[in-house]
Protein backbone atom coordinates (compact mmCIF):
# COMPACT_ATOMS: atom_id res chain seq x y z
CA UNK A 1 26.80 43.89 7.42
CA UNK A 2 27.77 42.85 4.03
CA UNK A 3 26.91 44.58 0.75
CA UNK A 4 27.63 43.41 -2.42
CA UNK A 5 28.74 44.90 -5.72
CA UNK A 6 25.54 46.01 -7.50
CA UNK A 7 26.65 44.71 -10.91
CA UNK A 8 26.08 41.25 -9.40
CA UNK A 9 22.46 41.82 -9.36
CA UNK A 10 21.79 43.44 -12.81
CA UNK A 11 20.02 41.28 -15.73
CA UNK A 12 20.69 42.51 -19.29
CA UNK A 13 17.44 45.02 -19.31
CA UNK A 14 18.70 46.81 -15.90
CA UNK A 15 22.21 46.99 -17.53
CA UNK A 16 20.65 48.75 -20.32
CA UNK A 17 18.70 51.36 -18.12
CA UNK A 18 21.90 51.66 -16.20
CA UNK A 19 23.85 52.62 -19.37
CA UNK A 20 21.08 54.98 -20.72
CA UNK A 21 21.18 57.03 -17.52
CA UNK A 22 24.77 57.16 -17.48
CA UNK A 23 25.12 58.51 -21.06
CA UNK A 24 22.71 61.21 -20.10
CA UNK A 25 24.75 61.99 -17.13
CA UNK A 26 28.11 61.94 -18.76
CA UNK A 27 26.59 64.45 -21.49
CA UNK A 28 25.22 66.44 -18.55
CA UNK A 29 28.74 66.70 -17.00
CA UNK A 30 30.58 67.58 -20.32
CA UNK A 31 28.12 70.54 -21.14
CA UNK A 32 27.47 72.10 -17.70
CA UNK A 33 30.91 72.83 -15.98
CA UNK A 34 29.44 76.04 -14.01
CA UNK A 35 26.49 76.83 -11.70
CA UNK A 36 25.15 78.96 -14.64
CA UNK A 37 25.56 76.49 -17.31
CA UNK A 38 23.96 73.74 -14.88
CA UNK A 39 20.93 76.30 -14.23
CA UNK A 40 20.36 76.80 -18.09
CA UNK A 41 20.49 73.16 -18.81
CA UNK A 42 18.10 72.25 -15.68
CA UNK A 43 15.65 74.97 -16.95
CA UNK A 44 15.71 73.46 -20.41
CA UNK A 45 15.10 69.96 -19.28
CA UNK A 46 12.54 71.26 -16.88
CA UNK A 47 10.49 73.18 -19.24
CA UNK A 48 10.73 70.03 -21.70
CA UNK A 49 9.02 68.15 -19.03
CA UNK A 50 6.33 70.67 -18.49
CA UNK A 51 7.77 72.78 -15.78
CA UNK A 52 6.67 76.20 -15.66
CA UNK A 53 8.47 79.50 -14.41
CA UNK A 54 7.02 80.42 -10.99
CA UNK A 55 7.15 84.28 -12.04
CA UNK A 56 4.94 83.69 -15.13
CA UNK A 57 2.47 81.70 -12.81
CA UNK A 58 2.49 84.53 -10.43
CA UNK A 59 1.82 87.07 -13.39
CA UNK A 60 -0.86 84.90 -15.10
CA UNK A 61 -3.01 85.02 -11.57
CA UNK A 62 -3.34 81.05 -11.95
CA UNK A 63 -3.80 78.91 -8.77
CA UNK A 64 -1.61 75.82 -8.42
CA UNK A 65 -3.25 72.32 -8.40
CA UNK A 66 -2.22 68.93 -7.65
CA UNK A 67 0.10 67.88 -10.35
CA UNK A 68 1.17 71.14 -11.41
CA UNK A 69 4.65 71.63 -12.11
CA UNK A 70 6.98 74.75 -11.51
CA UNK A 71 10.43 76.13 -11.01
CA UNK A 72 12.03 79.27 -9.66
CA UNK A 73 15.62 80.51 -10.29
CA UNK A 74 17.85 82.49 -8.26
CA UNK A 75 20.36 84.81 -9.91
CA UNK A 76 20.82 82.05 -12.61
CA UNK A 77 22.91 80.10 -10.01
CA UNK A 78 20.37 78.36 -7.94
CA UNK A 79 17.07 76.48 -8.95
CA UNK A 80 13.93 74.81 -7.05
CA UNK A 81 11.52 72.54 -8.64
CA UNK A 82 8.10 71.63 -7.26
CA UNK A 83 5.42 69.12 -8.36
CA UNK A 84 2.38 69.71 -6.28
CA UNK A 85 1.24 66.56 -4.41
CA UNK A 86 -2.54 65.58 -3.34
CA UNK A 87 -1.69 66.60 0.12
CA UNK A 88 -1.42 70.29 1.18
CA UNK A 89 2.08 71.54 1.37
CA UNK A 90 1.45 72.25 5.08
CA UNK A 91 1.48 68.53 5.59
CA UNK A 92 5.03 68.87 4.32
CA UNK A 93 7.30 67.99 1.09
CA UNK A 94 9.66 65.49 0.00
CA UNK A 95 12.83 67.54 -0.92
CA UNK A 96 16.12 66.72 -2.66
CA UNK A 97 18.60 69.07 -2.10
CA UNK A 98 22.22 69.04 -3.84
CA UNK A 99 24.65 71.56 -4.95
CA UNK A 100 25.85 72.49 -8.49
CA UNK A 101 29.37 74.21 -7.62
CA UNK A 102 32.32 72.50 -7.87
CA UNK A 103 36.03 73.11 -6.84
CA UNK A 104 37.91 75.57 -9.39
CA UNK A 105 40.07 78.53 -10.19
CA UNK A 106 37.99 81.81 -10.36
CA UNK A 107 39.55 84.61 -12.62
CA UNK A 108 40.11 87.89 -10.59
CA UNK A 109 38.80 90.98 -11.22
CA UNK A 110 42.11 92.80 -12.53
CA UNK A 111 43.68 89.54 -13.79
CA UNK A 112 45.77 90.16 -17.07
CA UNK A 113 49.33 90.36 -16.70
CA UNK A 114 52.70 89.88 -18.46
CA UNK A 115 56.14 88.64 -16.93
CA UNK A 116 58.97 87.36 -18.91
CA UNK A 117 57.26 87.86 -22.09
CA UNK A 118 54.40 85.54 -21.24
CA UNK A 119 50.77 86.84 -20.79
CA UNK A 120 48.84 85.25 -17.66
CA UNK A 121 45.44 85.43 -15.83
CA UNK A 122 45.68 85.61 -12.20
CA UNK A 123 43.40 83.62 -10.36
CA UNK A 124 41.76 82.90 -6.84
CA UNK A 125 40.94 79.18 -6.17
CA UNK A 126 37.48 78.31 -5.23
CA UNK A 127 36.60 75.61 -2.66
CA UNK A 128 38.92 73.00 -1.04
CA UNK A 129 41.61 71.89 -3.29
CA UNK A 130 45.01 70.38 -3.35
CA UNK A 131 46.70 73.32 -5.51
CA UNK A 132 49.58 70.82 -6.70
CA UNK A 133 46.79 68.87 -8.58
CA UNK A 134 46.12 71.96 -10.93
CA UNK A 135 49.58 72.39 -12.67
CA UNK A 136 49.91 71.54 -16.03
CA UNK A 137 46.54 70.47 -16.83
CA UNK A 138 44.58 71.55 -19.95
CA UNK A 139 42.18 73.88 -18.60
CA UNK A 140 39.32 75.81 -20.27
CA UNK A 141 37.50 79.06 -19.49
CA UNK A 142 33.96 79.17 -18.86
CA UNK A 143 31.83 82.08 -17.73
CA UNK A 144 29.99 85.24 -18.30
CA UNK A 145 31.02 89.08 -19.01
CA UNK A 146 28.49 91.79 -18.40
CA UNK A 147 28.99 94.98 -19.95
CA UNK A 148 28.27 98.54 -18.66
CA UNK A 149 25.41 98.80 -21.34
CA UNK A 150 23.96 95.40 -19.66
CA UNK A 151 24.96 93.26 -22.81
CA UNK A 152 26.28 89.77 -21.90
CA UNK A 153 28.86 87.81 -23.33
CA UNK A 154 29.05 83.97 -22.59
CA UNK A 155 32.63 82.59 -22.60
CA UNK A 156 33.51 78.83 -23.54
CA UNK A 157 36.98 78.47 -24.74
CA UNK A 158 38.80 75.17 -24.53
CA UNK A 159 36.12 72.36 -24.99
CA UNK A 160 35.76 72.19 -28.71
CA UNK A 161 38.99 70.18 -30.18
CA UNK A 162 39.72 73.45 -32.49
CA UNK A 163 39.69 75.59 -29.32
CA UNK A 164 43.28 76.77 -27.83
CA UNK A 165 43.47 75.35 -24.13
CA UNK A 166 45.11 77.06 -21.07
CA UNK A 167 47.47 76.01 -18.24
CA UNK A 168 49.21 76.59 -14.99
CA UNK A 169 52.84 76.14 -15.31
CA UNK A 170 55.07 74.23 -12.84
CA UNK A 171 58.75 74.00 -12.19
CA UNK A 172 60.87 71.40 -13.93
CA UNK A 173 62.20 68.33 -11.92
CA UNK A 174 65.76 69.39 -12.22
CA UNK A 175 65.31 72.65 -10.40
CA UNK A 176 62.60 71.61 -7.80
CA UNK A 177 64.71 70.51 -4.79
CA UNK A 178 63.51 73.11 -2.70
CA UNK A 179 60.11 73.09 -4.01
CA UNK A 180 59.97 69.06 -3.09
CA UNK A 181 60.92 69.81 0.35
CA UNK A 182 57.96 71.66 1.10
CA UNK A 183 54.55 70.44 2.64
CA UNK A 184 52.05 69.59 0.32
CA UNK A 185 49.62 72.21 1.08
CA UNK A 186 52.76 74.60 0.02
CA UNK A 187 54.17 73.03 -2.94
CA UNK A 188 52.27 75.27 -5.22
CA UNK A 189 50.99 78.75 -3.32
CA UNK A 190 47.66 80.01 -4.13
CA UNK A 191 49.08 83.20 -5.68
CA UNK A 192 51.07 81.09 -7.99
CA UNK A 193 48.05 79.45 -9.70
CA UNK A 194 48.47 81.93 -12.68
CA UNK A 195 47.00 80.70 -16.21
CA UNK A 196 49.27 80.93 -19.16
CA UNK A 197 47.20 82.75 -22.02
CA UNK A 198 49.90 83.94 -24.47
CA UNK A 199 53.23 84.60 -25.79
CA UNK A 200 53.08 86.46 -29.09
CA UNK A 201 53.87 90.07 -28.97
CA UNK A 202 51.84 92.68 -30.85
CA UNK A 203 54.20 94.24 -33.39
CA UNK A 204 55.53 97.46 -32.74
CA UNK A 205 57.32 99.10 -29.51
CA UNK A 206 54.53 98.80 -27.20
CA UNK A 207 55.18 98.05 -23.58
CA UNK A 208 54.05 94.86 -22.37
CA UNK A 209 53.53 93.71 -26.05
CA UNK A 210 52.17 89.97 -25.20
CA UNK A 211 49.64 91.51 -22.94
CA UNK A 212 48.63 93.92 -25.46
CA UNK A 213 48.24 91.23 -27.94
CA UNK A 214 46.22 89.33 -25.78
CA UNK A 215 43.71 92.35 -25.04
CA UNK A 216 43.84 92.82 -28.87
CA UNK A 217 42.55 89.33 -29.39
CA UNK A 218 40.00 89.61 -26.75
CA UNK A 219 38.38 92.79 -28.31
CA UNK A 220 38.48 91.36 -31.75
CA UNK A 221 37.14 87.82 -30.91
CA UNK A 222 34.70 88.45 -28.07
CA UNK A 223 34.24 92.26 -27.78
CA UNK A 224 35.81 92.15 -24.29
CA UNK A 225 37.77 95.31 -22.84
CA UNK A 226 40.28 94.81 -19.93
CA UNK A 227 37.85 96.70 -17.74
CA UNK A 228 35.10 94.15 -18.42
CA UNK A 229 36.74 91.62 -15.95
CA UNK A 230 35.46 93.83 -13.22
CA UNK A 231 31.93 92.68 -14.22
CA UNK A 232 32.50 89.17 -15.15
CA UNK A 233 32.54 85.65 -13.61
CA UNK A 234 34.85 83.48 -15.52
CA UNK A 235 36.18 80.10 -14.27
CA UNK A 236 38.94 77.91 -15.14
CA UNK A 237 38.01 74.55 -15.23
CA UNK A 238 39.77 71.11 -16.64
CA UNK A 239 38.99 70.93 -20.39
CA UNK A 240 37.52 67.80 -21.85
CA UNK A 241 34.49 65.77 -21.68
CA UNK A 242 33.34 63.01 -19.05
CA UNK A 243 34.75 59.66 -20.26
CA UNK A 244 34.01 56.12 -19.26
CA UNK A 245 36.85 54.60 -17.13
CA UNK A 246 38.37 51.17 -16.78
CA UNK A 247 38.62 48.16 -19.38
CA UNK A 248 35.18 47.28 -18.34
CA UNK A 249 33.73 50.84 -18.83
CA UNK A 250 32.09 50.37 -15.32
CA UNK A 251 33.09 53.82 -14.21
CA UNK A 252 33.00 57.59 -15.02
CA UNK A 253 35.83 60.05 -14.91
CA UNK A 254 35.09 63.85 -15.09
CA UNK A 255 35.60 66.91 -13.64
CA UNK A 256 32.61 68.22 -11.13
CA UNK A 257 31.06 65.09 -10.13
CA UNK A 258 30.96 66.68 -6.45
CA UNK A 259 28.23 67.44 -6.64
CA UNK A 260 26.69 67.16 -10.12
CA UNK A 261 26.55 63.39 -9.70
CA UNK A 262 23.85 64.12 -7.01
CA UNK A 263 22.33 67.06 -8.65
CA UNK A 264 21.73 65.22 -11.97
CA UNK A 265 20.37 61.97 -10.32
CA UNK A 266 17.88 64.20 -8.24
CA UNK A 267 16.69 66.26 -11.05
CA UNK A 268 16.18 63.25 -13.40
CA UNK A 269 14.26 61.54 -10.45
CA UNK A 270 12.18 64.68 -10.02
CA UNK A 271 11.35 65.01 -13.82
CA UNK A 272 10.29 61.47 -14.17
CA UNK A 273 7.97 60.91 -11.20
CA UNK A 274 4.15 60.92 -11.76
CA UNK A 275 1.64 62.41 -9.24
CA UNK A 276 2.88 61.88 -5.61
CA UNK A 277 0.85 62.23 -2.37
CA UNK A 278 3.22 64.97 -0.93
CA UNK A 279 4.61 67.71 -2.98
CA UNK A 280 7.77 67.01 -4.24
CA UNK A 281 10.58 69.33 -4.50
CA UNK A 282 14.45 69.32 -6.10
CA UNK A 283 16.49 72.06 -4.50
CA UNK A 284 19.79 72.74 -6.49
CA UNK A 285 21.89 75.51 -5.06
CA UNK A 286 25.20 77.22 -5.25
CA UNK A 287 28.09 78.01 -3.14
CA UNK A 288 28.17 74.68 -0.81
CA UNK A 289 32.16 74.40 -1.34
CA UNK A 290 32.59 77.68 0.35
CA UNK A 291 29.93 77.30 3.26
CA UNK A 292 26.74 77.81 1.42
CA UNK A 293 26.90 81.46 1.68
CA UNK A 294 25.52 84.46 -0.32
CA UNK A 295 22.34 85.09 -1.89
CA UNK A 296 22.51 81.63 -4.29
CA UNK A 297 23.87 79.59 -1.19
CA UNK A 298 21.74 77.40 1.14
CA UNK A 299 21.97 79.82 3.77
CA UNK A 300 20.09 82.48 1.99
CA UNK A 301 16.16 82.84 2.12
CA UNK A 302 15.61 81.77 -1.36
CA UNK A 303 14.29 78.45 -0.63
CA UNK A 304 12.00 79.64 2.02
CA UNK A 305 10.65 82.56 0.00
CA UNK A 306 10.07 80.34 -2.70
CA UNK A 307 8.07 78.14 -0.62
CA UNK A 308 6.03 81.06 0.46
CA UNK A 309 5.22 81.91 -3.03
CA UNK A 310 4.14 78.57 -3.92
CA UNK A 311 1.90 78.21 -0.79
CA UNK A 312 0.24 81.48 -1.60
CA UNK A 313 -0.72 80.06 -5.15
CA UNK A 314 -2.23 77.03 -3.72
CA UNK A 315 -4.09 79.21 -1.10
CA UNK A 316 -2.41 77.74 1.91
CA UNK A 317 -0.20 80.58 2.84
CA UNK A 318 0.32 81.97 6.22
CA UNK A 319 3.42 82.65 8.37
CA UNK A 320 2.33 79.61 10.76
CA UNK A 321 1.59 77.48 7.73
CA UNK A 322 5.06 77.91 6.11
CA UNK A 323 6.72 77.10 9.36
CA UNK A 324 4.71 73.98 9.66
CA UNK A 325 5.35 72.99 5.87
CA UNK A 326 9.08 73.16 6.68
CA UNK A 327 8.78 71.37 9.69
CA UNK A 328 6.58 68.47 8.40
CA UNK A 329 9.15 68.13 5.49
CA UNK A 330 11.60 65.30 4.81
CA UNK A 331 14.72 66.08 2.92
CA UNK A 332 17.68 64.05 1.37
CA UNK A 333 20.63 65.98 1.42
CA UNK A 334 22.05 64.77 -1.84
CA UNK A 335 25.85 65.14 -1.89
CA UNK A 336 28.80 62.58 -2.49
CA UNK A 337 30.69 60.50 -0.05
CA UNK A 338 34.43 59.54 0.04
CA UNK A 339 34.89 56.02 -1.38
CA UNK A 340 37.19 53.46 0.03
CA UNK A 341 40.79 53.72 -1.95
CA UNK A 342 43.08 50.92 -0.88
CA UNK A 343 46.22 53.05 -1.89
CA UNK A 344 45.12 55.26 1.13
CA UNK A 345 43.61 52.61 3.36
CA UNK A 346 44.68 54.21 6.62
CA UNK A 347 42.25 57.28 6.23
CA UNK A 348 39.42 55.01 6.35
CA UNK A 349 37.47 52.80 8.99
CA UNK A 350 36.90 49.80 6.58
CA UNK A 351 33.67 48.63 8.07
CA UNK A 352 31.95 52.28 8.06
CA UNK A 353 33.21 53.43 4.45
CA UNK A 354 31.53 53.56 1.10
CA UNK A 355 32.79 51.29 -1.68
CA UNK A 356 32.25 51.89 -5.33
CA UNK A 357 29.28 50.10 -6.98
CA UNK A 358 27.74 49.00 -3.53
CA UNK A 359 24.81 51.32 -4.25
CA UNK A 360 23.90 54.90 -3.02
CA UNK A 361 25.37 56.07 0.34
CA UNK A 362 23.53 57.13 3.66
CA UNK A 363 25.80 59.30 5.94
CA UNK A 364 23.69 59.54 9.38
CA UNK A 365 26.27 62.28 10.27
CA UNK A 366 29.17 63.95 8.81
CA UNK A 367 30.86 66.80 10.73
CA UNK A 368 34.45 66.53 12.12
CA UNK A 369 35.93 64.73 15.22
CA UNK A 370 33.29 64.44 17.74
CA UNK A 371 30.55 65.18 15.05
CA UNK A 372 31.22 68.80 15.20
CA UNK A 373 29.26 70.68 12.65
CA UNK A 374 27.19 67.90 11.88
CA UNK A 375 23.50 67.06 11.11
CA UNK A 376 22.97 63.76 12.88
CA UNK A 377 19.67 62.18 11.53
CA UNK A 378 17.31 60.29 13.64
CA UNK A 379 17.14 56.71 13.92
CA UNK A 380 13.24 56.62 13.09
CA UNK A 381 13.86 58.38 9.92
CA UNK A 382 16.59 55.95 9.03
CA UNK A 383 14.33 53.28 9.67
CA UNK A 384 11.69 54.56 7.28
CA UNK A 385 14.34 55.04 4.56
CA UNK A 386 15.56 51.35 4.99
CA UNK A 387 11.78 50.42 4.10
CA UNK A 388 11.49 52.51 1.21
CA UNK A 389 14.72 51.50 -0.33
CA UNK A 390 13.98 47.90 0.49
CA UNK A 391 10.51 47.86 -0.71
CA UNK A 392 11.68 49.42 -4.07
CA UNK A 393 14.77 47.16 -4.77
CA UNK A 394 17.32 49.85 -4.31
CA UNK A 395 20.78 48.77 -3.41
CA UNK A 396 22.45 51.17 -0.66
CA UNK A 397 25.29 51.17 1.95
CA UNK A 398 25.94 53.50 5.03
CA UNK A 399 29.45 55.40 5.84
CA UNK A 400 31.40 57.85 7.54
CA UNK A 401 33.65 60.46 6.04
CA UNK A 402 36.86 58.92 6.89
CA UNK A 403 38.53 57.73 10.17
CA UNK A 404 37.44 59.35 13.52
CA UNK A 405 39.67 62.29 14.32
CA UNK A 406 41.24 62.38 10.91
CA UNK A 407 39.07 65.19 9.14
CA UNK A 408 35.69 65.70 8.27
CA UNK A 409 33.38 67.64 6.30
CA UNK A 410 29.57 68.75 5.84
CA UNK A 411 26.64 69.36 3.48
CA UNK A 412 23.84 71.65 3.34
CA UNK A 413 21.89 69.22 5.60
CA UNK A 414 22.35 71.03 8.97
CA UNK A 415 20.92 74.00 7.17
CA UNK A 416 17.53 72.61 6.52
CA UNK A 417 17.52 70.87 9.77
CA UNK A 418 17.24 74.11 11.46
CA UNK A 419 13.60 74.16 10.22
CA UNK A 420 12.97 70.88 12.38
CA UNK A 421 12.72 68.72 9.22
CA UNK A 422 14.08 65.24 9.03
CA UNK A 423 17.31 65.47 7.08
CA UNK A 424 19.76 62.79 6.38
CA UNK A 425 22.94 63.10 3.63
CA UNK A 426 22.73 60.54 0.87
CA UNK A 427 24.57 60.47 -2.24
CA UNK A 428 27.37 58.65 -4.61
CA UNK A 429 30.63 57.44 -3.59
CA UNK A 430 33.56 59.14 -5.34
CA UNK A 431 37.16 58.53 -5.68
CA UNK A 432 39.63 61.41 -6.01
CA UNK A 433 37.05 63.73 -4.43
CA UNK A 434 37.74 67.45 -4.91
CA UNK A 435 40.58 66.48 -7.60
CA UNK A 436 40.32 68.17 -11.15
CA UNK A 437 39.19 64.74 -12.45
CA UNK A 438 36.84 62.42 -9.98
CA UNK A 439 35.92 58.97 -10.56
CA UNK A 440 32.41 57.51 -9.94
CA UNK A 441 30.77 53.95 -10.48
CA UNK A 442 28.00 53.81 -13.19
CA UNK A 443 26.04 51.37 -10.65
CA UNK A 444 26.26 53.89 -7.90
CA UNK A 445 24.75 56.79 -10.45
CA UNK A 446 22.01 54.42 -11.40
CA UNK A 447 21.10 53.25 -7.85
CA UNK A 448 21.07 57.10 -6.50
CA UNK A 449 18.52 57.95 -9.36
CA UNK A 450 16.39 54.89 -8.11
CA UNK A 451 16.67 55.89 -4.39
CA UNK A 452 15.80 59.50 -5.08
CA UNK A 453 12.63 58.60 -7.06
CA UNK A 454 11.53 56.01 -4.74
CA UNK A 455 12.04 58.77 -1.91
CA UNK A 456 9.95 61.40 -3.68
CA UNK A 457 7.03 58.94 -4.12
CA UNK A 458 7.13 57.24 -1.07
CA UNK A 459 8.64 59.05 2.02
């Protein structure tokens, strides 16, 4: 099956819509580099579009009616949005699910140390990364510090052009003979991903004077003590804004596009739809990069519990109706796919790989080798999705995650499929996935938003 480059289909009007969508997306990427920052921005966008906090609706004693819009937040790191449809929730929902966490370097709880009159922060990397890609990059620190009295200090250092930035050092090539003989996974060790944060000593004869000066500055500028790192969540991420890529400006390069490209386009589709037959839901969760574990990951009961609360407000809730609602639902597990890269052609099977600018991607299955760990979508469901996309002029392609027997991966799809609902992976093709800077096509971002909107209204 031949799929043409989407840019060949666009007239000037559609190109303008594409650029508007991508400008909003790049702004979102530049300002939302952590799960907490994403949730904060998502809430602001949702409330501007008329969504209400579920807890406030419960407190007011209101009942939910067709057209009502609500959201629920889990620990400031996951959020679910609902627009109540004409049919009862028991008949099923149309769900878009994506994740808002991305690979990064997390600051440890006892991180500050000095060695060689240099001050560092000790880190523990999060998610699947090639560790050697993270050295010598300008890094920014984003996060939250919670003090013993309950006060909260938000950290964002390195994004403003007047801010300092940070980095992980590397060994000069002149002395790297032994390092260069190591396998790629060991060229840089995890415990060596220490972030350089200072070199100036505090005046006097104090021991570890450089560390002392760094701690002095943290106290003076942010009111942070060394002990406060114990109750802090600080992430080191690539510093800098999302940018247009290519002489033709057809692409976007940014940190965190896996999976904020699907999170943003799902959210934008959700906020823009009008009344629909079925209740529409947009579920944006944490911890996918480490197995969807924990209270804010997809394996928690957050979503199930929230659906129960929503059904109680529509007068439908019983345990049996909740089970029926989940079983009768349909979902797009909105996550990125690997894009074909001719520099590494041997990693792909060219007839079944996603190409940049060929539209949103459907992965019938992911998993590894013999489809291990995969959600394998039903043919009947795929046929109906083909109908929906064709009727709404959405350009799409199908793909697998690399060559058989080479590797593999997964998404949150298999977790929702446990309820018996129809689920398939769909999203945007990405070059350099999981690298500090990833590349997407503007056309694919635009087509994903169109596809998600068509799904919410027509599935």
